[in-house]
């Protein structure tokens, strides 16, 4: 199986359109279609429901999509690790999904990383908790920052990035009730 064929398939699944997928992959539509047919032949499975256009993924195609995303993420990590070893530090891109309310605190997570790995890039994406879960499941992001009380994430390791003690500063003469309402 060629990594390139797997990339074409994952791109087609994301775009759900042969022309747009081919454009994103910088190949012609016949090249993309031929590569995906080769992948189907190699796996001896139909991965796509075809008509005059892309209709859907088959159940087997959904499984290959899940595994394909994981394989491509691992391949990218391998490539980054090997190229980073020669250059004296990590390279590549760390993709983080962060809920809007936590965006100002993102520097707490990224500051030490940037100092240790100046050749690496960090991409911050403003996302909802559900989008962070989806991004992690689909290997579209590497980590996330969100509140877990209201919308707990599944199949992830969670840790607090910093101790949090919130307070409400007010004038000394302000009268506030004791404790939460």
N, C-alpha and C. Protein backbone atom coordinates (compact mmCIF):
# COMPACT_ATOMS: atom_id res chain seq x y z
N UNK A 1 0.85 -1.18 0.00
CA UNK A 1 0.00 0.00 0.00
C UNK A 1 0.90 1.24 0.00
N UNK A 2 0.64 2.14 -0.89
CA UNK A 2 1.40 3.37 -0.95
C UNK A 2 0.75 4.43 -0.06
N UNK A 3 1.58 5.14 0.69
CA UNK A 3 1.08 6.22 1.55
C UNK A 3 0.32 7.24 0.70
N UNK A 4 0.82 7.48 -0.48
CA UNK A 4 0.18 8.45 -1.38
C UNK A 4 -1.26 8.05 -1.70
N UNK A 5 -1.49 6.77 -1.94
CA UNK A 5 -2.86 6.31 -2.23
C UNK A 5 -3.76 6.51 -1.02
N UNK A 6 -3.22 6.26 0.16
CA UNK A 6 -3.98 6.45 1.39
C UNK A 6 -4.31 7.94 1.59
N UNK A 7 -3.35 8.81 1.30
CA UNK A 7 -3.60 10.26 1.39
C UNK A 7 -4.70 10.68 0.43
N UNK A 8 -4.68 10.15 -0.78
CA UNK A 8 -5.71 10.48 -1.76
C UNK A 8 -7.08 10.04 -1.25
N UNK A 9 -7.14 8.84 -0.69
CA UNK A 9 -8.42 8.31 -0.20
C UNK A 9 -8.96 9.17 0.95
N UNK A 10 -8.10 9.50 1.92
CA UNK A 10 -8.54 10.31 3.06
C UNK A 10 -9.00 11.69 2.58
N UNK A 11 -8.28 12.26 1.64
CA UNK A 11 -8.67 13.56 1.10
C UNK A 11 -10.02 13.47 0.40
N UNK A 12 -10.23 12.42 -0.38
CA UNK A 12 -11.52 12.24 -1.05
C UNK A 12 -12.65 12.10 -0.02
N UNK A 13 -12.40 11.34 1.03
CA UNK A 13 -13.43 11.17 2.07
C UNK A 13 -13.76 12.52 2.73
N UNK A 14 -12.75 13.36 2.91
CA UNK A 14 -12.98 14.67 3.53
C UNK A 14 -13.71 15.62 2.58
N UNK A 15 -13.32 15.62 1.33
CA UNK A 15 -13.91 16.53 0.34
C UNK A 15 -15.25 16.03 -0.20
N UNK A 16 -15.40 14.72 -0.27
CA UNK A 16 -16.58 14.07 -0.83
C UNK A 16 -16.86 14.54 -2.26
N UNK A 17 -15.78 14.78 -2.98
CA UNK A 17 -15.88 15.23 -4.36
C UNK A 17 -14.54 14.93 -5.04
N UNK A 18 -14.58 14.19 -6.14
CA UNK A 18 -13.34 13.78 -6.80
C UNK A 18 -12.53 14.97 -7.30
N UNK A 19 -13.18 15.94 -7.90
CA UNK A 19 -12.47 17.09 -8.45
C UNK A 19 -11.76 17.91 -7.38
N UNK A 20 -12.48 18.21 -6.29
CA UNK A 20 -11.87 19.00 -5.21
C UNK A 20 -10.74 18.22 -4.54
N UNK A 21 -10.94 16.92 -4.37
CA UNK A 21 -9.89 16.09 -3.75
C UNK A 21 -8.65 16.07 -4.64
N UNK A 22 -8.83 15.92 -5.94
CA UNK A 22 -7.70 15.91 -6.87
C UNK A 22 -6.96 17.24 -6.82
N UNK A 23 -7.71 18.33 -6.78
CA UNK A 23 -7.10 19.66 -6.71
C UNK A 23 -6.29 19.81 -5.43
N UNK A 24 -6.85 19.37 -4.31
CA UNK A 24 -6.15 19.47 -3.03
C UNK A 24 -4.88 18.63 -3.02
N UNK A 25 -4.91 17.50 -3.74
CA UNK A 25 -3.75 16.60 -3.79
C UNK A 25 -2.76 16.99 -4.90
N UNK A 26 -3.11 18.02 -5.66
CA UNK A 26 -2.27 18.47 -6.77
C UNK A 26 -2.04 17.40 -7.82
N UNK A 27 -3.11 16.66 -8.13
CA UNK A 27 -3.07 15.66 -9.20
C UNK A 27 -4.32 15.83 -10.05
N UNK A 28 -4.34 15.13 -11.18
CA UNK A 28 -5.54 15.16 -12.01
C UNK A 28 -6.58 14.23 -11.41
N UNK A 29 -7.82 14.44 -11.80
CA UNK A 29 -8.90 13.58 -11.30
C UNK A 29 -8.69 12.13 -11.72
N UNK A 30 -8.29 11.83 -12.97
CA UNK A 30 -8.04 10.42 -13.32
C UNK A 30 -6.92 9.79 -12.50
N UNK A 31 -5.89 10.57 -12.17
CA UNK A 31 -4.80 10.04 -11.34
C UNK A 31 -5.32 9.67 -9.96
N UNK A 32 -6.14 10.55 -9.37
CA UNK A 32 -6.72 10.28 -8.05
C UNK A 32 -7.61 9.04 -8.11
N UNK A 33 -8.49 8.97 -9.10
CA UNK A 33 -9.41 7.83 -9.23
C UNK A 33 -8.64 6.53 -9.41
N UNK A 34 -7.60 6.56 -10.24
CA UNK A 34 -6.80 5.35 -10.49
C UNK A 34 -6.11 4.89 -9.21
N UNK A 35 -5.56 5.83 -8.44
CA UNK A 35 -4.87 5.47 -7.19
C UNK A 35 -5.84 4.85 -6.19
N UNK A 36 -7.04 5.39 -6.11
CA UNK A 36 -8.03 4.85 -5.17
C UNK A 36 -8.49 3.46 -5.63
N UNK A 37 -8.65 3.27 -6.92
CA UNK A 37 -9.00 1.93 -7.43
C UNK A 37 -7.88 0.93 -7.11
N UNK A 38 -6.64 1.36 -7.22
CA UNK A 38 -5.51 0.48 -6.87
C UNK A 38 -5.57 0.10 -5.38
N UNK A 39 -5.91 1.09 -4.55
CA UNK A 39 -6.04 0.82 -3.11
C UNK A 39 -7.17 -0.18 -2.87
N UNK A 40 -8.29 0.00 -3.54
CA UNK A 40 -9.42 -0.94 -3.41
C UNK A 40 -9.01 -2.33 -3.89
N UNK A 41 -8.29 -2.40 -5.00
CA UNK A 41 -7.84 -3.70 -5.52
C UNK A 41 -6.90 -4.38 -4.54
N UNK A 42 -5.98 -3.60 -3.98
CA UNK A 42 -5.01 -4.17 -3.05
C UNK A 42 -5.69 -4.70 -1.79
N UNK A 43 -6.70 -3.98 -1.31
CA UNK A 43 -7.43 -4.41 -0.12
C UNK A 43 -8.54 -5.41 -0.45
N UNK A 44 -8.82 -5.55 -1.75
CA UNK A 44 -9.90 -6.43 -2.22
C UNK A 44 -11.24 -6.03 -1.59
N UNK A 45 -11.46 -4.71 -1.55
CA UNK A 45 -12.67 -4.15 -0.96
C UNK A 45 -13.14 -2.95 -1.77
N UNK A 46 -14.43 -2.75 -1.81
CA UNK A 46 -14.97 -1.49 -2.33
C UNK A 46 -15.00 -0.49 -1.19
N UNK A 47 -14.39 0.66 -1.40
CA UNK A 47 -14.32 1.66 -0.34
C UNK A 47 -15.29 2.81 -0.55
N UNK A 48 -15.71 2.99 -1.80
CA UNK A 48 -16.54 4.15 -2.14
C UNK A 48 -17.78 3.69 -2.88
N UNK A 49 -18.92 4.28 -2.53
CA UNK A 49 -20.15 4.09 -3.28
C UNK A 49 -20.12 5.15 -4.38
N UNK A 50 -20.04 4.67 -5.62
CA UNK A 50 -19.91 5.58 -6.75
C UNK A 50 -21.19 5.61 -7.55
N UNK A 51 -21.48 6.74 -8.11
CA UNK A 51 -22.51 6.91 -9.13
C UNK A 51 -21.82 7.72 -10.21
N UNK A 52 -22.46 8.76 -10.66
CA UNK A 52 -21.79 9.69 -11.57
C UNK A 52 -20.83 10.58 -10.80
N UNK A 53 -20.89 10.47 -9.48
CA UNK A 53 -20.03 11.27 -8.60
C UNK A 53 -19.84 10.48 -7.30
N UNK A 54 -19.09 11.05 -6.37
CA UNK A 54 -18.91 10.44 -5.06
C UNK A 54 -20.26 10.45 -4.34
N UNK A 55 -20.69 9.28 -3.83
CA UNK A 55 -21.95 9.23 -3.09
C UNK A 55 -21.72 9.06 -1.59
N UNK A 56 -20.84 8.12 -1.23
CA UNK A 56 -20.58 7.85 0.18
C UNK A 56 -19.43 6.86 0.30
N UNK A 57 -19.01 6.63 1.52
CA UNK A 57 -18.06 5.56 1.80
C UNK A 57 -18.85 4.31 2.15
N UNK A 58 -18.31 3.17 1.77
CA UNK A 58 -18.90 1.90 2.21
C UNK A 58 -18.56 1.71 3.69
N UNK A 59 -19.19 0.78 4.37
CA UNK A 59 -18.79 0.51 5.76
C UNK A 59 -17.30 0.17 5.87
N UNK A 60 -16.79 -0.58 4.90
CA UNK A 60 -15.36 -0.90 4.89
C UNK A 60 -14.53 0.36 4.66
N UNK A 61 -15.06 1.26 3.80
CA UNK A 61 -14.39 2.53 3.55
C UNK A 61 -14.29 3.38 4.80
N UNK A 62 -15.33 3.35 5.63
CA UNK A 62 -15.30 4.08 6.91
C UNK A 62 -14.19 3.54 7.81
N UNK A 63 -14.04 2.21 7.84
CA UNK A 63 -12.97 1.60 8.64
C UNK A 63 -11.60 1.99 8.09
N UNK A 64 -11.45 1.94 6.78
CA UNK A 64 -10.17 2.32 6.17
C UNK A 64 -9.89 3.80 6.43
N UNK A 65 -10.91 4.64 6.41
CA UNK A 65 -10.73 6.05 6.70
C UNK A 65 -10.18 6.25 8.10
N UNK A 66 -10.77 5.58 9.08
CA UNK A 66 -10.29 5.69 10.47
C UNK A 66 -8.84 5.25 10.57
N UNK A 67 -8.54 4.07 10.04
CA UNK A 67 -7.17 3.56 10.09
C UNK A 67 -6.23 4.43 9.26
N UNK A 68 -6.71 4.90 8.13
CA UNK A 68 -5.89 5.73 7.25
C UNK A 68 -5.45 7.02 7.93
N UNK A 69 -6.38 7.65 8.63
CA UNK A 69 -6.02 8.88 9.35
C UNK A 69 -4.95 8.60 10.40
N UNK A 70 -5.11 7.49 11.10
CA UNK A 70 -4.14 7.13 12.13
C UNK A 70 -2.78 6.82 11.50
N UNK A 71 -2.77 6.06 10.41
CA UNK A 71 -1.52 5.71 9.73
C UNK A 71 -0.84 6.96 9.20
N UNK A 72 -1.60 7.88 8.60
CA UNK A 72 -1.01 9.11 8.07
C UNK A 72 -0.46 10.00 9.19
N UNK A 73 -1.15 10.05 10.32
CA UNK A 73 -0.64 10.83 11.46
C UNK A 73 0.66 10.22 11.97
N UNK A 74 0.71 8.89 12.05
CA UNK A 74 1.94 8.22 12.48
C UNK A 74 3.06 8.42 11.47
N UNK A 75 2.73 8.37 10.19
CA UNK A 75 3.73 8.59 9.15
C UNK A 75 4.30 10.01 9.25
N UNK A 76 3.43 11.00 9.44
CA UNK A 76 3.90 12.38 9.58
C UNK A 76 4.78 12.53 10.82
N UNK A 77 4.41 11.85 11.91
CA UNK A 77 5.23 11.90 13.13
C UNK A 77 6.59 11.26 12.90
N UNK A 78 6.61 10.14 12.20
CA UNK A 78 7.86 9.48 11.87
C UNK A 78 8.75 10.41 11.05
N UNK A 79 8.17 11.01 10.03
CA UNK A 79 8.91 11.93 9.17
C UNK A 79 9.47 13.11 9.98
N UNK A 80 8.62 13.69 10.82
CA UNK A 80 9.06 14.82 11.65
C UNK A 80 10.16 14.40 12.62
N UNK A 81 10.04 13.22 13.20
CA UNK A 81 11.04 12.73 14.14
C UNK A 81 12.38 12.53 13.44
N UNK A 82 12.35 11.93 12.27
CA UNK A 82 13.60 11.66 11.55
C UNK A 82 14.25 12.95 11.06
N UNK A 83 13.48 13.88 10.57
CA UNK A 83 14.07 15.14 10.10
C UNK A 83 14.46 16.02 11.28
N UNK A 84 13.74 15.93 12.38
CA UNK A 84 14.07 16.72 13.58
C UNK A 84 15.34 16.26 14.24
N UNK A 85 15.65 14.98 14.17
CA UNK A 85 16.84 14.42 14.81
C UNK A 85 18.11 15.03 14.20
N UNK A 86 18.11 15.24 12.89
CA UNK A 86 19.28 15.80 12.21
C UNK A 86 19.39 17.30 12.40
N UNK A 87 18.29 17.96 12.66
CA UNK A 87 18.31 19.42 12.72
C UNK A 87 18.51 19.94 14.14
N UNK A 88 18.63 19.06 15.12
CA UNK A 88 18.88 19.51 16.48
C UNK A 88 17.63 19.88 17.26
N UNK A 89 16.48 19.38 16.91
CA UNK A 89 15.26 19.66 17.66
C UNK A 89 14.04 19.22 16.88
N UNK A 90 12.92 19.29 17.53
CA UNK A 90 11.68 18.91 16.86
C UNK A 90 11.34 19.91 15.77
N UNK A 91 10.79 19.38 14.71
CA UNK A 91 10.26 20.22 13.64
C UNK A 91 8.83 19.77 13.40
N UNK A 92 8.16 20.42 12.51
CA UNK A 92 6.78 20.05 12.21
C UNK A 92 5.83 21.03 12.87
N UNK A 93 4.59 20.60 12.98
CA UNK A 93 3.54 21.47 13.48
C UNK A 93 2.78 20.78 14.60
N UNK A 94 2.62 21.46 15.72
CA UNK A 94 1.79 21.01 16.83
C UNK A 94 0.45 21.70 16.66
N UNK A 95 -0.62 20.91 16.47
CA UNK A 95 -1.95 21.47 16.21
C UNK A 95 -2.80 21.33 17.47
N UNK A 96 -3.22 22.47 18.01
CA UNK A 96 -4.01 22.48 19.24
C UNK A 96 -5.37 23.12 19.01
N UNK A 97 -6.41 22.46 19.47
CA UNK A 97 -7.75 23.03 19.47
C UNK A 97 -8.03 23.60 20.84
N UNK A 98 -8.50 24.83 20.89
CA UNK A 98 -8.70 25.50 22.17
C UNK A 98 -10.05 26.20 22.16
N UNK A 99 -10.83 25.99 23.23
CA UNK A 99 -12.11 26.70 23.30
C UNK A 99 -11.82 28.20 23.42
N UNK A 100 -12.69 29.04 22.88
CA UNK A 100 -12.42 30.48 22.87
C UNK A 100 -12.12 31.07 24.26
N UNK A 101 -12.82 30.61 25.29
CA UNK A 101 -12.61 31.16 26.63
C UNK A 101 -11.20 30.87 27.16
N UNK A 102 -10.57 29.82 26.67
CA UNK A 102 -9.23 29.45 27.15
C UNK A 102 -8.11 29.97 26.24
N UNK A 103 -8.46 30.62 25.17
CA UNK A 103 -7.44 31.09 24.21
C UNK A 103 -6.36 31.96 24.88
N UNK A 104 -6.73 32.89 25.79
CA UNK A 104 -5.68 33.69 26.43
C UNK A 104 -4.68 32.86 27.23
N UNK A 105 -5.09 31.70 27.72
CA UNK A 105 -4.20 30.85 28.52
C UNK A 105 -3.34 29.93 27.66
N UNK A 106 -3.52 29.97 26.36
CA UNK A 106 -2.77 29.07 25.48
C UNK A 106 -1.27 29.28 25.59
N UNK A 107 -0.85 30.50 25.88
CA UNK A 107 0.59 30.76 25.98
C UNK A 107 1.23 29.97 27.12
N UNK A 108 0.46 29.64 28.14
CA UNK A 108 0.98 28.82 29.24
C UNK A 108 1.42 27.46 28.70
N UNK A 109 0.63 26.92 27.78
CA UNK A 109 0.96 25.62 27.19
C UNK A 109 2.09 25.71 26.17
N UNK A 110 2.12 26.78 25.43
CA UNK A 110 3.02 26.84 24.28
C UNK A 110 4.38 27.49 24.55
N UNK A 111 4.48 28.31 25.56
CA UNK A 111 5.71 29.06 25.79
C UNK A 111 6.93 28.17 25.99
N UNK A 112 6.85 27.19 26.86
CA UNK A 112 7.99 26.30 27.12
C UNK A 112 8.30 25.44 25.90
N UNK A 113 7.27 25.00 25.20
CA UNK A 113 7.47 24.19 24.00
C UNK A 113 8.24 24.97 22.94
N UNK A 114 7.84 26.20 22.71
CA UNK A 114 8.50 27.04 21.70
C UNK A 114 9.95 27.30 22.10
N UNK A 115 10.19 27.51 23.38
CA UNK A 115 11.56 27.77 23.84
C UNK A 115 12.46 26.55 23.60
N UNK A 116 11.93 25.35 23.79
CA UNK A 116 12.74 24.13 23.62
C UNK A 116 12.82 23.67 22.17
N UNK A 117 11.83 24.06 21.37
CA UNK A 117 11.77 23.59 19.97
C UNK A 117 11.47 24.77 19.05
N UNK A 118 12.43 25.66 18.87
CA UNK A 118 12.16 26.87 18.08
C UNK A 118 11.87 26.61 16.61
N UNK A 119 12.25 25.45 16.08
CA UNK A 119 11.99 25.17 14.67
C UNK A 119 10.61 24.56 14.44
N UNK A 120 9.94 24.18 15.51
CA UNK A 120 8.58 23.63 15.39
C UNK A 120 7.58 24.78 15.33
N UNK A 121 6.46 24.51 14.69
CA UNK A 121 5.39 25.50 14.59
C UNK A 121 4.24 25.06 15.48
N UNK A 122 3.49 26.03 15.95
CA UNK A 122 2.28 25.74 16.73
C UNK A 122 1.11 26.39 16.01
N UNK A 123 0.08 25.59 15.81
CA UNK A 123 -1.14 26.08 15.18
C UNK A 123 -2.26 26.00 16.21
N UNK A 124 -2.81 27.14 16.57
CA UNK A 124 -3.92 27.20 17.52
C UNK A 124 -5.22 27.38 16.74
N UNK A 125 -6.20 26.54 17.06
CA UNK A 125 -7.50 26.63 16.41
C UNK A 125 -8.57 26.87 17.47
N UNK A 126 -9.37 27.89 17.27
CA UNK A 126 -10.49 28.14 18.16
C UNK A 126 -11.58 27.13 17.82
N UNK A 127 -11.95 26.29 18.79
CA UNK A 127 -12.89 25.20 18.54
C UNK A 127 -13.80 24.99 19.74
N UNK A 128 -14.96 24.41 19.51
CA UNK A 128 -15.83 24.00 20.60
C UNK A 128 -15.30 22.69 21.18
N UNK A 129 -15.78 22.32 22.36
CA UNK A 129 -15.36 21.06 22.97
C UNK A 129 -15.68 19.87 22.07
N UNK A 130 -16.85 19.89 21.46
CA UNK A 130 -17.23 18.79 20.56
C UNK A 130 -16.33 18.73 19.34
N UNK A 131 -15.95 19.90 18.81
CA UNK A 131 -15.03 19.94 17.67
C UNK A 131 -13.65 19.43 18.06
N UNK A 132 -13.24 19.72 19.29
CA UNK A 132 -11.96 19.21 19.78
C UNK A 132 -12.01 17.69 19.83
N UNK A 133 -13.09 17.14 20.35
CA UNK A 133 -13.23 15.68 20.40
C UNK A 133 -13.15 15.09 19.00
N UNK A 134 -13.88 15.67 18.06
CA UNK A 134 -13.88 15.18 16.68
C UNK A 134 -12.49 15.31 16.06
N UNK A 135 -11.83 16.44 16.30
CA UNK A 135 -10.48 16.65 15.77
C UNK A 135 -9.48 15.64 16.31
N UNK A 136 -9.59 15.31 17.58
CA UNK A 136 -8.72 14.28 18.17
C UNK A 136 -9.03 12.91 17.59
N UNK A 137 -10.30 12.59 17.47
CA UNK A 137 -10.70 11.29 16.92
C UNK A 137 -10.24 11.11 15.48
N UNK A 138 -10.22 12.20 14.71
CA UNK A 138 -9.86 12.14 13.29
C UNK A 138 -8.40 12.49 13.02
N UNK A 139 -7.61 12.66 14.11
CA UNK A 139 -6.19 12.97 13.99
C UNK A 139 -5.96 14.29 13.25
N UNK A 140 -6.90 15.22 13.37
CA UNK A 140 -6.77 16.53 12.75
C UNK A 140 -6.07 17.52 13.68
N UNK A 141 -6.10 17.25 14.98
CA UNK A 141 -5.35 18.04 15.96
C UNK A 141 -4.59 17.07 16.86
N UNK A 142 -3.57 17.62 17.53
CA UNK A 142 -2.74 16.79 18.40
C UNK A 142 -3.14 16.89 19.86
N UNK A 143 -3.83 17.94 20.23
CA UNK A 143 -4.25 18.13 21.60
C UNK A 143 -5.31 19.21 21.67
N UNK A 144 -5.86 19.40 22.84
CA UNK A 144 -6.89 20.41 23.00
C UNK A 144 -6.90 20.97 24.40
N UNK A 145 -7.56 22.10 24.53
CA UNK A 145 -7.71 22.74 25.83
C UNK A 145 -9.18 23.13 25.97
N UNK A 146 -9.84 22.51 26.96
CA UNK A 146 -11.27 22.74 27.13
C UNK A 146 -11.66 22.47 28.58
N UNK A 147 -12.86 22.85 28.93
CA UNK A 147 -13.42 22.48 30.23
C UNK A 147 -14.01 21.09 30.09
N UNK A 148 -13.84 20.27 31.10
CA UNK A 148 -14.33 18.89 31.03
C UNK A 148 -15.61 18.68 31.82
N UNK A 149 -15.99 19.64 32.64
CA UNK A 149 -17.17 19.45 33.49
C UNK A 149 -18.46 19.35 32.68
N UNK A 150 -18.65 20.24 31.73
CA UNK A 150 -19.91 20.27 30.98
C UNK A 150 -19.94 19.26 29.84
N UNK A 151 -18.82 19.12 29.14
CA UNK A 151 -18.76 18.22 27.99
C UNK A 151 -17.51 17.36 28.08
N UNK A 152 -17.52 16.31 28.89
CA UNK A 152 -16.32 15.49 29.04
C UNK A 152 -15.95 14.80 27.72
N UNK A 153 -14.65 14.77 27.43
CA UNK A 153 -14.16 14.12 26.22
C UNK A 153 -13.94 12.63 26.50
N UNK A 154 -13.99 11.84 25.44
CA UNK A 154 -13.82 10.39 25.59
C UNK A 154 -12.54 9.94 24.91
N UNK A 155 -11.94 8.88 25.43
CA UNK A 155 -10.77 8.23 24.84
C UNK A 155 -9.56 9.16 24.77
N UNK A 156 -9.40 10.01 25.78
CA UNK A 156 -8.26 10.92 25.82
C UNK A 156 -7.67 10.93 27.23
N UNK A 157 -6.42 11.33 27.35
CA UNK A 157 -5.81 11.58 28.64
C UNK A 157 -5.98 13.05 28.96
N UNK A 158 -6.38 13.36 30.16
CA UNK A 158 -6.62 14.75 30.54
C UNK A 158 -5.73 15.12 31.72
N UNK A 159 -5.23 16.34 31.70
CA UNK A 159 -4.48 16.85 32.82
C UNK A 159 -4.67 18.37 32.87
N UNK A 160 -4.64 18.92 34.08
CA UNK A 160 -4.79 20.38 34.20
C UNK A 160 -3.49 21.05 33.77
N UNK A 161 -3.54 22.04 32.88
CA UNK A 161 -2.32 22.69 32.42
C UNK A 161 -1.70 23.63 33.46
N UNK A 162 -2.52 24.09 34.40
CA UNK A 162 -2.05 25.00 35.43
C UNK A 162 -3.09 25.02 36.54
N UNK A 163 -2.67 25.36 37.79
CA UNK A 163 -3.67 25.47 38.86
C UNK A 163 -4.54 26.70 38.61
N UNK A 164 -5.81 26.56 38.87
CA UNK A 164 -6.72 27.67 38.59
C UNK A 164 -7.48 28.04 39.85
N UNK A 165 -7.31 29.25 40.25
CA UNK A 165 -8.10 29.79 41.36
C UNK A 165 -8.70 31.09 40.84
N UNK A 166 -9.99 31.10 40.68
CA UNK A 166 -10.64 32.30 40.17
C UNK A 166 -11.10 33.15 41.34
N UNK A 167 -11.07 34.43 41.13
CA UNK A 167 -11.57 35.35 42.15
C UNK A 167 -12.28 36.50 41.45
N UNK A 168 -13.08 37.17 42.21
CA UNK A 168 -13.81 38.32 41.71
C UNK A 168 -13.37 39.53 42.52
N UNK A 169 -12.48 40.33 41.94
CA UNK A 169 -12.08 41.53 42.68
C UNK A 169 -13.23 42.54 42.70
N UNK A 170 -13.43 43.16 43.82
CA UNK A 170 -14.49 44.17 43.96
C UNK A 170 -14.03 45.20 44.99
N UNK A 171 -14.63 46.34 44.94
CA UNK A 171 -14.29 47.39 45.91
C UNK A 171 -14.58 46.89 47.32
N UNK A 172 -13.81 47.38 48.28
CA UNK A 172 -13.94 46.92 49.67
C UNK A 172 -15.33 47.13 50.21
N UNK A 173 -16.04 48.15 49.75
CA UNK A 173 -17.36 48.46 50.28
C UNK A 173 -18.47 47.64 49.60
N UNK A 174 -18.11 46.81 48.62
CA UNK A 174 -19.11 46.03 47.90
C UNK A 174 -19.65 44.93 48.79
N UNK A 175 -20.96 44.76 48.78
CA UNK A 175 -21.59 43.72 49.56
C UNK A 175 -21.97 42.56 48.64
N UNK A 176 -21.34 41.39 48.85
CA UNK A 176 -21.63 40.21 48.05
C UNK A 176 -22.07 39.07 48.97
N UNK A 177 -22.95 38.19 48.51
CA UNK A 177 -23.35 37.05 49.35
C UNK A 177 -22.17 36.09 49.51
N UNK A 178 -22.15 35.36 50.59
CA UNK A 178 -21.10 34.37 50.83
C UNK A 178 -21.36 33.13 50.01
N UNK A 179 -20.34 32.60 49.38
CA UNK A 179 -20.42 31.33 48.66
C UNK A 179 -21.22 31.42 47.38
N UNK A 180 -21.28 30.30 46.65
CA UNK A 180 -22.00 30.27 45.39
C UNK A 180 -23.49 30.39 45.59
N UNK A 181 -24.15 30.97 44.62
CA UNK A 181 -25.60 31.17 44.72
C UNK A 181 -26.35 29.90 44.47
